[in-house]
Structures are given as C-alpha cells and as structure tokens.
Amino acid sequence: MNYLELEKSLASGLPNTSQTWAGYITHFTNSSELDKGRAIAEQALSSVDYTDEQERSALWSAYLTLEVKLGSKEKLKEVFARACSAMDSYSMHTQLLDILKREKEGREEDVLTLYESTLKKFRHSHLECWFSYAEWLYGQVDGVQKARELLQRALQCLDKKQRMLSSLIGCEINNE
C-alpha cells in the first residue's frame, strides 16, 4: 500500500486496523520522517480499540521499529517502557529483541543488554528466553563460550525439572 492509499484508508474510517496504521508508520520510517512517524504512532495507539491486544501489539512493534531505525536510545527506552506497561511485558521484550536482531549491524550490544535485562525479569517464568539467548550467542563471534557460561547460569536459576532438561540439552550441545 502506498502513502496515498494509506491516507485514504485512514480517512475512510478504518482506524482500528493495525495493518493500515503500521503501514503508515513504516512509510515514515522508510522516508526517515521520525517526527511524523511518531505522531502517527501516537495517533494509532489512541485510535485502536484498547481491548484488541493483537492490534495494539502490532502498533507497538511498528513504533519500536521506528525508534530503533531512526530514534535515539533514550527515546527507544521511553517507548519500550510504555509498551511494557501497556502490553504483556515479556511479549514486548521478545518483540524488541526480534527488531534489534533484524537490524544486525551495530546492534549486538543492545541485543546483549536486552537479553540480560529480560533474563533478570523473566528467568524463572520463561524458559524459552534462556534458549533464545543461547541460540543468539551461538551465532555470534566467540559466542560458543558465552553460551556455555549462560548454560551454567541457567542451571543455577532453574528448578529441578528445568535443570534436568537444560542438562540434557547441554550434553547434546557439548557432544556435537
């Protein structure tokens, strides 16, 4: 959908579709118009039905993408904090991790910092976070040793069943 089609869709009364709003935000992201993109993101968040979590989640994702690509780290932190308080915090953490990982170049430190923050908050309640972090580390230069250190940290934090599963996975990894 091009810019004019997006404006027509919004004008015709489809404000509750995140696809239209996200497309509009993406247009401003791609044309490097940060202030306009922010204004549209804020308008979208206030227009979409508050009870529709999937729609709001898609909008927060578009807003976070805008900030990652064009905004400052401070503004990204501010938008991320708002997203975490408005939505499921773990879901927003994983969305921002996905966005940062897609950026690849120059975002490794941001990904590492966010993974550490995510583990600090969700280490007991979201086992998949440990796996996701380890998988990402294995893809990094010198990541194998860091992933093994992460496994040791995981074994100290997790309950008995989770430790047993992690130990089995660790044995598998070490035998590859």
Protein backbone atom coordinates (compact mmCIF):
# COMPACT_ATOMS: atom_id res chain seq x y z
CA MET A 1 0.00 0.00 0.00
CA ASN A 2 1.43 3.37 -0.95
CA TYR A 3 1.24 6.58 1.05
CA LEU A 4 -1.89 7.93 -0.68
CA GLU A 5 -3.73 4.62 -0.26
CA LEU A 6 -2.83 4.64 3.43
CA GLU A 7 -4.22 8.15 3.88
CA LYS A 8 -7.43 7.16 2.07
CA SER A 9 -7.82 4.06 4.26
CA LEU A 10 -7.44 6.09 7.41
CA ALA A 11 -9.79 8.79 6.16
CA SER A 12 -12.42 6.21 5.19
CA GLY A 13 -12.84 5.07 8.77
CA LEU A 14 -10.56 2.09 9.20
CA PRO A 15 -8.63 3.39 12.22
CA ASN A 16 -8.91 0.13 14.13
CA THR A 17 -6.73 -1.90 11.82
CA SER A 18 -3.13 -2.06 12.89
CA GLN A 19 -2.13 -3.11 9.39
CA THR A 20 -3.15 0.27 7.98
CA TRP A 21 -1.59 2.25 10.83
CA ALA A 22 1.60 0.14 10.81
CA GLY A 23 1.89 0.67 7.06
CA TYR A 24 1.62 4.40 7.62
CA ILE A 25 4.28 4.30 10.35
CA THR A 26 6.50 2.18 8.10
CA HIS A 27 6.13 4.73 5.30
CA PHE A 28 7.52 7.45 7.57
CA THR A 29 10.24 5.11 8.84
CA ASN A 30 11.35 4.33 5.29
CA SER A 31 11.31 8.01 4.33
CA SER A 32 13.25 8.95 7.51
CA GLU A 33 10.50 11.24 8.82
CA LEU A 34 10.83 10.48 12.51
CA ASP A 35 8.54 13.19 13.91
CA LYS A 36 5.70 12.37 11.52
CA GLY A 37 6.12 8.66 12.26
CA ARG A 38 5.95 9.31 15.99
CA ALA A 39 2.84 11.44 15.60
CA ILE A 40 1.12 8.72 13.58
CA ALA A 41 2.18 6.04 16.08
CA GLU A 42 0.69 8.05 18.95
CA GLN A 43 -2.49 8.69 16.99
CA ALA A 44 -2.73 4.99 16.12
CA LEU A 45 -2.32 3.90 19.73
CA SER A 46 -5.10 6.21 20.82
CA SER A 47 -7.40 5.16 17.95
CA VAL A 48 -7.17 1.38 18.02
CA ASP A 49 -9.56 -0.49 20.30
CA TYR A 50 -7.87 -0.82 23.69
CA THR A 51 -9.21 -4.35 24.19
CA ASP A 52 -7.70 -5.69 20.96
CA GLU A 53 -4.30 -6.85 22.19
CA GLN A 54 -3.13 -8.22 18.85
CA GLU A 55 -3.78 -4.92 17.09
CA ARG A 56 -2.09 -2.89 19.83
CA SER A 57 0.87 -5.27 19.88
CA ALA A 58 1.39 -4.77 16.14
CA LEU A 59 1.30 -1.00 16.62
CA TRP A 60 3.82 -1.08 19.45
CA SER A 61 6.05 -3.23 17.26
CA ALA A 62 5.86 -0.68 14.43
CA TYR A 63 6.56 2.14 16.90
CA LEU A 64 9.56 0.29 18.35
CA THR A 65 10.88 -0.37 14.84
CA LEU A 66 10.60 3.35 14.06
CA GLU A 67 12.60 4.20 17.18
CA VAL A 68 15.23 1.52 16.55
CA LYS A 69 15.80 2.70 12.99
CA LEU A 70 15.57 6.47 13.44
CA GLY A 71 15.27 7.45 17.09
CA SER A 72 17.68 7.91 19.95
CA LYS A 73 18.42 5.26 22.56
CA GLU A 74 16.73 7.41 25.19
CA LYS A 75 13.51 7.72 23.19
CA LEU A 76 13.61 3.98 22.41
CA LYS A 77 13.86 3.24 26.15
CA GLU A 78 10.92 5.56 26.83
CA VAL A 79 8.70 3.98 24.14
CA PHE A 80 9.74 0.49 25.23
CA ALA A 81 8.85 1.23 28.86
CA ARG A 82 5.44 2.47 27.76
CA ALA A 83 4.92 -0.61 25.60
CA CYS A 84 5.84 -2.89 28.52
CA SER A 85 3.37 -1.17 30.82
CA ALA A 86 0.59 -1.16 28.23
CA MET A 87 1.06 -4.74 26.98
CA ASP A 88 2.44 -8.06 28.19
CA SER A 89 5.97 -7.11 29.22
CA TYR A 90 7.60 -10.38 28.14
CA SER A 91 5.96 -10.14 24.73
CA MET A 92 7.32 -6.61 24.28
CA HIS A 93 10.79 -7.77 25.33
CA THR A 94 10.75 -10.53 22.72
CA GLN A 95 9.40 -8.17 20.05
CA LEU A 96 12.14 -5.63 20.68
CA LEU A 97 14.75 -8.40 20.66
CA ASP A 98 13.46 -9.55 17.27
CA ILE A 99 13.56 -6.00 15.92
CA LEU A 100 17.11 -5.41 17.17
CA LYS A 101 18.32 -8.76 15.80
CA ARG A 102 16.89 -7.93 12.37
CA GLU A 103 18.95 -4.73 12.36
CA LYS A 104 22.12 -6.86 12.69
CA GLU A 105 24.95 -4.36 12.21
CA GLY A 106 25.85 -2.34 15.27
CA ARG A 107 23.06 -3.66 17.49
CA GLU A 108 24.86 -6.60 19.12
CA GLU A 109 25.49 -4.72 22.38
CA ASP A 110 21.85 -3.62 22.52
CA VAL A 111 20.69 -7.22 21.98
CA LEU A 112 23.06 -8.47 24.67
CA THR A 113 21.89 -5.81 27.14
CA LEU A 114 18.22 -6.51 26.45
CA TYR A 115 18.70 -10.27 26.81
CA GLU A 116 20.36 -9.73 30.19
CA SER A 117 17.53 -7.43 31.28
CA THR A 118 14.93 -9.92 30.03
CA LEU A 119 16.57 -12.78 31.91
CA LYS A 120 16.72 -10.71 35.07
CA LYS A 121 12.95 -10.18 34.95
CA PHE A 122 11.76 -13.49 33.48
CA ARG A 123 14.43 -16.10 34.27
CA HIS A 124 12.04 -18.29 36.25
CA SER A 125 8.83 -17.80 34.29
CA HIS A 126 10.00 -18.02 30.67
CA LEU A 127 12.39 -20.89 29.98
CA GLU A 128 12.32 -20.10 26.26
CA CYS A 129 14.22 -16.88 26.97
CA TRP A 130 17.27 -18.92 28.01
CA PHE A 131 17.09 -20.92 24.78
CA SER A 132 16.62 -17.86 22.61
CA TYR A 133 19.58 -16.13 24.24
CA ALA A 134 21.81 -19.20 23.86
CA GLU A 135 20.79 -19.60 20.23
CA TRP A 136 21.66 -15.96 19.53
CA LEU A 137 25.01 -16.31 21.32
CA TYR A 138 25.92 -19.33 19.20
CA GLY A 139 25.51 -17.16 16.12
CA GLN A 140 27.95 -14.54 17.40
CA VAL A 141 31.72 -14.42 17.08
CA ASP A 142 33.15 -16.04 20.23
CA GLY A 143 29.60 -16.91 21.24
CA VAL A 144 30.13 -20.59 22.00
CA GLN A 145 31.97 -19.92 25.24
CA LYS A 146 29.43 -17.29 26.26
CA ALA A 147 26.59 -19.72 25.54
CA ARG A 148 28.25 -22.35 27.73
CA GLU A 149 28.59 -19.79 30.53
CA LEU A 150 24.90 -18.96 30.05
CA LEU A 151 24.06 -22.65 30.46
CA GLN A 152 25.84 -22.67 33.83
CA ARG A 153 23.86 -19.59 34.91
CA ALA A 154 20.65 -21.24 33.77
CA LEU A 155 21.39 -24.36 35.78
CA GLN A 156 21.76 -22.25 38.92
CA CYS A 157 18.47 -20.39 38.37
CA LEU A 158 16.09 -23.04 37.19
CA ASP A 159 14.05 -25.53 39.20
CA LYS A 160 14.87 -29.26 39.24
CA LYS A 161 12.81 -30.29 36.16
CA GLN A 162 14.08 -27.37 34.15
CA ARG A 163 17.67 -28.10 35.24
CA MET A 164 17.35 -31.69 34.10
CA LEU A 165 16.07 -30.61 30.69
CA SER A 166 18.80 -27.99 30.40
CA SER A 167 21.45 -30.53 31.42
CA LEU A 168 20.31 -32.89 28.69
CA ILE A 169 20.44 -30.08 26.16
CA GLY A 170 23.87 -29.09 27.43
CA CYS A 171 25.12 -32.66 27.00
CA GLU A 172 23.78 -32.68 23.47
CA ILE A 173 25.45 -29.37 22.66
CA ASN A 174 28.79 -30.49 24.12
CA ASN A 175 28.72 -33.72 22.12
CA GLU A 176 28.19 -32.02 18.75
